[in-house]
Amino acid sequence: MIWVKVMVLVFIVGLFTSLFVGMINKKFMVVPIILTIVSVAILIVPVTKYLNDVHKQEIERVIKSKGGKVLEIERKDENNLIRYTITYEIEGVVKSAEYLATKIVNDVHAKDRFGRGDEWTFYETD
């Protein structure tokens, strides 16, 4: 989690530095635009990976608390939410579940701006 904060700090410093350079010399106004685009691109990759890792840890935690073992996780993006289809095994019986997760990085259980939060659906038989 600390590296996400470091990346955000680097992004903010880079953004303000590039804006400062652009204000000093109007000829180089393209520099802040390019630096901002590059900074955003660099920031998106680790944040997305971190979010995937957090969701997978939550899936593992919930399935393990039921006494199961995760066999497969399938991800599908849906607007502000991510739908995971999970195949897991409990006592030799293969079952499935769905986990609807928000794209909020700092709290996996938080509700999005539409009031939707994480939600589990467990299927008894396949």
N, C-alpha and C. Protein backbone atom coordinates (compact mmCIF):
# COMPACT_ATOMS: atom_id res chain seq x y z
N MET A 1 0.82 -1.19 0.00
CA MET A 1 0.00 0.00 0.00
C MET A 1 0.86 1.25 0.00
N ILE A 2 2.04 1.19 0.61
CA ILE A 2 2.90 2.36 0.68
C ILE A 2 3.38 2.79 -0.70
N TRP A 3 3.61 1.81 -1.60
CA TRP A 3 4.10 2.18 -2.92
C TRP A 3 3.03 2.90 -3.73
N VAL A 4 1.75 2.65 -3.45
CA VAL A 4 0.68 3.40 -4.12
C VAL A 4 0.75 4.86 -3.70
N LYS A 5 0.97 5.10 -2.42
CA LYS A 5 1.10 6.48 -1.94
C LYS A 5 2.32 7.16 -2.54
N VAL A 6 3.42 6.43 -2.66
CA VAL A 6 4.63 6.98 -3.27
C VAL A 6 4.36 7.33 -4.73
N MET A 7 3.68 6.45 -5.46
CA MET A 7 3.37 6.71 -6.87
C MET A 7 2.47 7.93 -7.02
N VAL A 8 1.50 8.09 -6.15
CA VAL A 8 0.62 9.26 -6.19
C VAL A 8 1.43 10.52 -5.91
N LEU A 9 2.33 10.47 -4.94
CA LEU A 9 3.17 11.61 -4.63
C LEU A 9 4.06 11.98 -5.81
N VAL A 10 4.66 10.98 -6.45
CA VAL A 10 5.49 11.22 -7.63
C VAL A 10 4.65 11.85 -8.75
N PHE A 11 3.45 11.37 -8.93
CA PHE A 11 2.56 11.93 -9.95
C PHE A 11 2.27 13.40 -9.66
N ILE A 12 1.93 13.72 -8.42
CA ILE A 12 1.58 15.10 -8.06
C ILE A 12 2.79 16.02 -8.23
N VAL A 13 3.96 15.59 -7.76
CA VAL A 13 5.17 16.40 -7.91
C VAL A 13 5.49 16.60 -9.39
N GLY A 14 5.39 15.55 -10.17
CA GLY A 14 5.65 15.65 -11.60
C GLY A 14 4.68 16.57 -12.30
N LEU A 15 3.41 16.50 -11.91
CA LEU A 15 2.40 17.37 -12.51
C LEU A 15 2.68 18.83 -12.21
N PHE A 16 2.94 19.15 -10.94
CA PHE A 16 3.21 20.54 -10.59
C PHE A 16 4.52 21.04 -11.20
N THR A 17 5.53 20.19 -11.27
CA THR A 17 6.79 20.58 -11.90
C THR A 17 6.58 20.88 -13.37
N SER A 18 5.85 20.03 -14.05
CA SER A 18 5.62 20.26 -15.47
C SER A 18 4.78 21.51 -15.71
N LEU A 19 3.80 21.78 -14.86
CA LEU A 19 3.01 23.01 -14.99
C LEU A 19 3.89 24.24 -14.75
N PHE A 20 4.80 24.15 -13.78
CA PHE A 20 5.71 25.25 -13.49
C PHE A 20 6.61 25.53 -14.69
N VAL A 21 7.14 24.48 -15.29
CA VAL A 21 7.98 24.64 -16.48
C VAL A 21 7.19 25.28 -17.61
N GLY A 22 5.95 24.85 -17.77
CA GLY A 22 5.10 25.42 -18.82
C GLY A 22 4.79 26.89 -18.58
N MET A 23 4.62 27.30 -17.33
CA MET A 23 4.32 28.70 -17.03
C MET A 23 5.54 29.59 -17.22
N ILE A 24 6.72 29.06 -16.94
CA ILE A 24 7.95 29.84 -17.10
C ILE A 24 8.24 30.10 -18.58
N ASN A 25 8.09 29.10 -19.37
CA ASN A 25 8.41 29.23 -20.79
C ASN A 25 7.23 28.73 -21.61
N LYS A 26 6.49 29.65 -22.20
CA LYS A 26 5.27 29.29 -22.95
C LYS A 26 5.58 28.40 -24.15
N LYS A 27 6.80 28.46 -24.68
CA LYS A 27 7.17 27.62 -25.83
C LYS A 27 7.11 26.14 -25.46
N PHE A 28 7.38 25.85 -24.18
CA PHE A 28 7.44 24.46 -23.74
C PHE A 28 6.13 24.01 -23.08
N MET A 29 5.01 24.58 -23.47
CA MET A 29 3.73 24.20 -22.89
C MET A 29 3.37 22.75 -23.23
N VAL A 30 3.95 22.22 -24.30
CA VAL A 30 3.70 20.83 -24.66
C VAL A 30 4.35 19.88 -23.65
N VAL A 31 5.41 20.35 -22.98
CA VAL A 31 6.11 19.51 -21.99
C VAL A 31 5.18 19.10 -20.85
N PRO A 32 4.41 20.05 -20.23
CA PRO A 32 3.51 19.61 -19.16
C PRO A 32 2.45 18.63 -19.64
N ILE A 33 1.99 18.82 -20.84
CA ILE A 33 0.96 17.90 -21.37
C ILE A 33 1.53 16.51 -21.51
N ILE A 34 2.71 16.41 -22.10
CA ILE A 34 3.35 15.10 -22.29
C ILE A 34 3.68 14.46 -20.94
N LEU A 35 4.25 15.24 -20.03
CA LEU A 35 4.59 14.70 -18.71
C LEU A 35 3.36 14.24 -17.94
N THR A 36 2.26 14.97 -18.07
CA THR A 36 1.02 14.56 -17.40
C THR A 36 0.50 13.25 -17.97
N ILE A 37 0.50 13.12 -19.29
CA ILE A 37 0.03 11.89 -19.93
C ILE A 37 0.91 10.71 -19.52
N VAL A 38 2.22 10.90 -19.53
CA VAL A 38 3.14 9.83 -19.14
C VAL A 38 2.95 9.47 -17.66
N SER A 39 2.79 10.48 -16.81
CA SER A 39 2.60 10.23 -15.38
C SER A 39 1.33 9.43 -15.12
N VAL A 40 0.25 9.79 -15.78
CA VAL A 40 -1.02 9.06 -15.61
C VAL A 40 -0.86 7.62 -16.09
N ALA A 41 -0.21 7.43 -17.23
CA ALA A 41 -0.01 6.07 -17.75
C ALA A 41 0.82 5.23 -16.79
N ILE A 42 1.85 5.83 -16.23
CA ILE A 42 2.71 5.11 -15.29
C ILE A 42 1.95 4.79 -14.00
N LEU A 43 1.07 5.67 -13.58
CA LEU A 43 0.32 5.48 -12.34
C LEU A 43 -0.78 4.43 -12.48
N ILE A 44 -1.38 4.31 -13.64
CA ILE A 44 -2.51 3.39 -13.84
C ILE A 44 -2.09 1.93 -13.65
N VAL A 45 -0.95 1.56 -14.17
CA VAL A 45 -0.53 0.15 -14.14
C VAL A 45 -0.38 -0.38 -12.71
N PRO A 46 0.40 0.27 -11.83
CA PRO A 46 0.53 -0.30 -10.48
C PRO A 46 -0.76 -0.24 -9.66
N VAL A 47 -1.56 0.80 -9.87
CA VAL A 47 -2.82 0.90 -9.12
C VAL A 47 -3.76 -0.22 -9.54
N THR A 48 -3.84 -0.51 -10.82
CA THR A 48 -4.69 -1.60 -11.31
C THR A 48 -4.20 -2.94 -10.78
N LYS A 49 -2.90 -3.16 -10.80
CA LYS A 49 -2.35 -4.41 -10.26
C LYS A 49 -2.65 -4.54 -8.77
N TYR A 50 -2.47 -3.44 -8.04
CA TYR A 50 -2.76 -3.45 -6.61
C TYR A 50 -4.23 -3.80 -6.35
N LEU A 51 -5.14 -3.20 -7.13
CA LEU A 51 -6.57 -3.47 -6.96
C LEU A 51 -6.89 -4.93 -7.24
N ASN A 52 -6.30 -5.50 -8.28
CA ASN A 52 -6.50 -6.92 -8.57
C ASN A 52 -6.01 -7.80 -7.43
N ASP A 53 -4.84 -7.45 -6.88
CA ASP A 53 -4.29 -8.24 -5.77
C ASP A 53 -5.20 -8.17 -4.54
N VAL A 54 -5.73 -6.98 -4.25
CA VAL A 54 -6.62 -6.81 -3.09
C VAL A 54 -7.88 -7.63 -3.28
N HIS A 55 -8.46 -7.61 -4.46
CA HIS A 55 -9.67 -8.39 -4.72
C HIS A 55 -9.40 -9.88 -4.61
N LYS A 56 -8.27 -10.34 -5.15
CA LYS A 56 -7.95 -11.76 -5.07
C LYS A 56 -7.72 -12.20 -3.62
N GLN A 57 -7.09 -11.33 -2.82
CA GLN A 57 -6.91 -11.65 -1.41
C GLN A 57 -8.26 -11.75 -0.69
N GLU A 58 -9.18 -10.87 -1.04
CA GLU A 58 -10.51 -10.91 -0.43
C GLU A 58 -11.25 -12.19 -0.84
N ILE A 59 -11.14 -12.56 -2.10
CA ILE A 59 -11.77 -13.80 -2.58
C ILE A 59 -11.19 -15.00 -1.85
N GLU A 60 -9.87 -15.06 -1.77
CA GLU A 60 -9.22 -16.18 -1.05
C GLU A 60 -9.67 -16.23 0.40
N ARG A 61 -9.75 -15.07 1.05
CA ARG A 61 -10.13 -15.00 2.46
C ARG A 61 -11.54 -15.53 2.68
N VAL A 62 -12.48 -15.11 1.84
CA VAL A 62 -13.88 -15.51 2.01
C VAL A 62 -14.06 -17.00 1.72
N ILE A 63 -13.47 -17.48 0.64
CA ILE A 63 -13.60 -18.90 0.30
C ILE A 63 -12.93 -19.77 1.37
N LYS A 64 -11.78 -19.34 1.87
CA LYS A 64 -11.09 -20.10 2.92
C LYS A 64 -11.91 -20.12 4.20
N SER A 65 -12.61 -19.02 4.50
CA SER A 65 -13.44 -18.97 5.72
C SER A 65 -14.62 -19.94 5.63
N LYS A 66 -15.01 -20.30 4.41
CA LYS A 66 -16.07 -21.30 4.22
C LYS A 66 -15.51 -22.72 4.20
N GLY A 67 -14.19 -22.84 4.31
CA GLY A 67 -13.56 -24.16 4.30
C GLY A 67 -13.21 -24.63 2.90
N GLY A 68 -13.16 -23.72 1.96
CA GLY A 68 -12.91 -24.10 0.57
C GLY A 68 -11.54 -23.70 0.07
N LYS A 69 -11.28 -24.10 -1.17
CA LYS A 69 -10.03 -23.80 -1.85
C LYS A 69 -10.38 -23.26 -3.24
N VAL A 70 -9.83 -22.09 -3.57
CA VAL A 70 -10.11 -21.47 -4.87
C VAL A 70 -9.41 -22.25 -5.97
N LEU A 71 -10.17 -22.59 -7.02
CA LEU A 71 -9.62 -23.29 -8.16
C LEU A 71 -9.37 -22.35 -9.34
N GLU A 72 -10.32 -21.42 -9.56
CA GLU A 72 -10.20 -20.54 -10.72
C GLU A 72 -10.94 -19.23 -10.43
N ILE A 73 -10.37 -18.14 -10.91
CA ILE A 73 -11.00 -16.82 -10.80
C ILE A 73 -11.06 -16.20 -12.19
N GLU A 74 -12.24 -15.78 -12.58
CA GLU A 74 -12.43 -15.14 -13.88
C GLU A 74 -12.94 -13.72 -13.64
N ARG A 75 -12.33 -12.76 -14.30
CA ARG A 75 -12.64 -11.34 -14.08
C ARG A 75 -13.36 -10.74 -15.29
N LYS A 76 -14.37 -9.89 -15.01
CA LYS A 76 -15.07 -9.17 -16.07
C LYS A 76 -15.39 -7.76 -15.57
N ASP A 77 -14.92 -6.74 -16.28
CA ASP A 77 -15.18 -5.35 -15.90
C ASP A 77 -16.57 -4.93 -16.32
N GLU A 78 -17.26 -4.23 -15.43
CA GLU A 78 -18.60 -3.71 -15.69
C GLU A 78 -18.70 -2.30 -15.12
N ASN A 79 -18.57 -1.29 -15.96
CA ASN A 79 -18.65 0.12 -15.55
C ASN A 79 -17.79 0.39 -14.32
N ASN A 80 -18.39 0.70 -13.18
CA ASN A 80 -17.64 1.02 -11.97
C ASN A 80 -17.37 -0.21 -11.10
N LEU A 81 -17.81 -1.36 -11.55
CA LEU A 81 -17.67 -2.58 -10.76
C LEU A 81 -16.88 -3.64 -11.53
N ILE A 82 -16.38 -4.61 -10.80
CA ILE A 82 -15.69 -5.75 -11.41
C ILE A 82 -16.41 -7.01 -10.93
N ARG A 83 -16.81 -7.86 -11.85
CA ARG A 83 -17.49 -9.11 -11.51
C ARG A 83 -16.49 -10.26 -11.64
N TYR A 84 -16.29 -10.96 -10.52
CA TYR A 84 -15.42 -12.13 -10.51
C TYR A 84 -16.30 -13.37 -10.43
N THR A 85 -16.04 -14.34 -11.29
CA THR A 85 -16.67 -15.64 -11.21
C THR A 85 -15.63 -16.59 -10.64
N ILE A 86 -15.97 -17.20 -9.52
CA ILE A 86 -15.01 -18.03 -8.79
C ILE A 86 -15.46 -19.48 -8.81
N THR A 87 -14.55 -20.37 -9.13
CA THR A 87 -14.78 -21.80 -9.00
C THR A 87 -13.93 -22.26 -7.83
N TYR A 88 -14.57 -22.94 -6.88
CA TYR A 88 -13.86 -23.38 -5.69
C TYR A 88 -14.31 -24.78 -5.30
N GLU A 89 -13.57 -25.37 -4.39
CA GLU A 89 -13.84 -26.74 -3.96
C GLU A 89 -13.94 -26.80 -2.45
N ILE A 90 -15.00 -27.48 -1.97
CA ILE A 90 -15.17 -27.75 -0.55
C ILE A 90 -15.45 -29.23 -0.39
N GLU A 91 -14.57 -29.91 0.34
CA GLU A 91 -14.71 -31.35 0.61
C GLU A 91 -14.95 -32.16 -0.66
N GLY A 92 -14.20 -31.86 -1.70
CA GLY A 92 -14.29 -32.60 -2.95
C GLY A 92 -15.43 -32.19 -3.87
N VAL A 93 -16.27 -31.28 -3.43
CA VAL A 93 -17.39 -30.80 -4.25
C VAL A 93 -17.01 -29.45 -4.86
N VAL A 94 -17.10 -29.37 -6.20
CA VAL A 94 -16.78 -28.13 -6.90
C VAL A 94 -18.02 -27.24 -6.92
N LYS A 95 -17.85 -26.01 -6.49
CA LYS A 95 -18.95 -25.05 -6.44
C LYS A 95 -18.50 -23.76 -7.12
N SER A 96 -19.46 -22.85 -7.29
CA SER A 96 -19.11 -21.57 -7.89
C SER A 96 -19.75 -20.43 -7.10
N ALA A 97 -19.19 -19.25 -7.30
CA ALA A 97 -19.69 -18.05 -6.65
C ALA A 97 -19.37 -16.86 -7.54
N GLU A 98 -20.05 -15.77 -7.27
CA GLU A 98 -19.74 -14.51 -7.94
C GLU A 98 -19.46 -13.46 -6.89
N TYR A 99 -18.47 -12.65 -7.18
CA TYR A 99 -18.10 -11.55 -6.29
C TYR A 99 -18.13 -10.28 -7.11
N LEU A 100 -19.00 -9.36 -6.72
CA LEU A 100 -19.10 -8.06 -7.37
C LEU A 100 -18.30 -7.08 -6.52
N ALA A 101 -17.22 -6.54 -7.07
CA ALA A 101 -16.30 -5.69 -6.32
C ALA A 101 -16.27 -4.28 -6.90
N THR A 102 -16.03 -3.32 -6.02
CA THR A 102 -15.91 -1.94 -6.47
C THR A 102 -14.47 -1.67 -6.91
N LYS A 103 -14.30 -0.59 -7.63
CA LYS A 103 -12.97 -0.19 -8.09
C LYS A 103 -12.37 0.88 -7.18
N ILE A 104 -12.71 0.81 -5.91
CA ILE A 104 -12.19 1.78 -4.94
C ILE A 104 -10.94 1.18 -4.32
N VAL A 105 -9.80 1.84 -4.55
CA VAL A 105 -8.51 1.27 -4.20
C VAL A 105 -8.29 1.15 -2.70
N ASN A 106 -8.66 2.16 -1.94
CA ASN A 106 -8.30 2.17 -0.52
C ASN A 106 -9.24 1.39 0.38
N ASP A 107 -10.41 0.93 -0.11
CA ASP A 107 -11.34 0.16 0.72
C ASP A 107 -12.14 -0.79 -0.15
N VAL A 108 -11.83 -2.07 -0.06
CA VAL A 108 -12.48 -3.07 -0.91
C VAL A 108 -13.96 -3.21 -0.60
N HIS A 109 -14.40 -2.81 0.60
CA HIS A 109 -15.80 -2.94 0.99
C HIS A 109 -16.59 -1.64 0.83
N ALA A 110 -15.96 -0.60 0.34
CA ALA A 110 -16.63 0.71 0.21
C ALA A 110 -17.70 0.66 -0.88
N LYS A 111 -18.66 1.55 -0.76
CA LYS A 111 -19.71 1.67 -1.77
C LYS A 111 -19.26 2.68 -2.83
N ASP A 112 -19.65 2.43 -4.08
CA ASP A 112 -19.31 3.37 -5.13
C ASP A 112 -20.27 4.56 -5.09
N ARG A 113 -20.16 5.46 -6.04
CA ARG A 113 -20.98 6.67 -6.00
C ARG A 113 -22.46 6.40 -6.23
N PHE A 114 -22.80 5.21 -6.68
CA PHE A 114 -24.20 4.82 -6.88
C PHE A 114 -24.75 4.04 -5.69
N GLY A 115 -23.95 3.89 -4.64
CA GLY A 115 -24.40 3.19 -3.44
C GLY A 115 -24.24 1.69 -3.50
N ARG A 116 -23.53 1.19 -4.53
CA ARG A 116 -23.31 -0.25 -4.64
C ARG A 116 -21.97 -0.60 -4.03
N GLY A 117 -21.97 -1.66 -3.25
CA GLY A 117 -20.74 -2.12 -2.62
C GLY A 117 -20.41 -3.53 -3.06
N ASP A 118 -19.42 -4.12 -2.39
CA ASP A 118 -19.09 -5.50 -2.75
C ASP A 118 -20.23 -6.42 -2.38
N GLU A 119 -20.41 -7.46 -3.18
CA GLU A 119 -21.55 -8.35 -3.01
C GLU A 119 -21.16 -9.77 -3.44
N TRP A 120 -21.53 -10.73 -2.62
CA TRP A 120 -21.24 -12.13 -2.90
C TRP A 120 -22.53 -12.87 -3.26
N THR A 121 -22.43 -13.80 -4.22
CA THR A 121 -23.51 -14.72 -4.54
C THR A 121 -22.90 -16.12 -4.61
N PHE A 122 -23.39 -17.03 -3.76
CA PHE A 122 -22.89 -18.39 -3.74
C PHE A 122 -23.92 -19.32 -4.36
N TYR A 123 -23.44 -20.19 -5.23
CA TYR A 123 -24.33 -21.17 -5.88
C TYR A 123 -24.07 -22.53 -5.26
N GLU A 124 -25.13 -23.18 -4.82
CA GLU A 124 -25.00 -24.47 -4.12
C GLU A 124 -24.62 -25.61 -5.05
N THR A 125 -25.18 -25.66 -6.22
CA THR A 125 -24.88 -26.75 -7.15
C THR A 125 -24.52 -26.17 -8.50
N ASP A 126 -23.75 -26.93 -9.24
CA ASP A 126 -23.37 -26.53 -10.60
C ASP A 126 -24.10 -27.40 -11.61
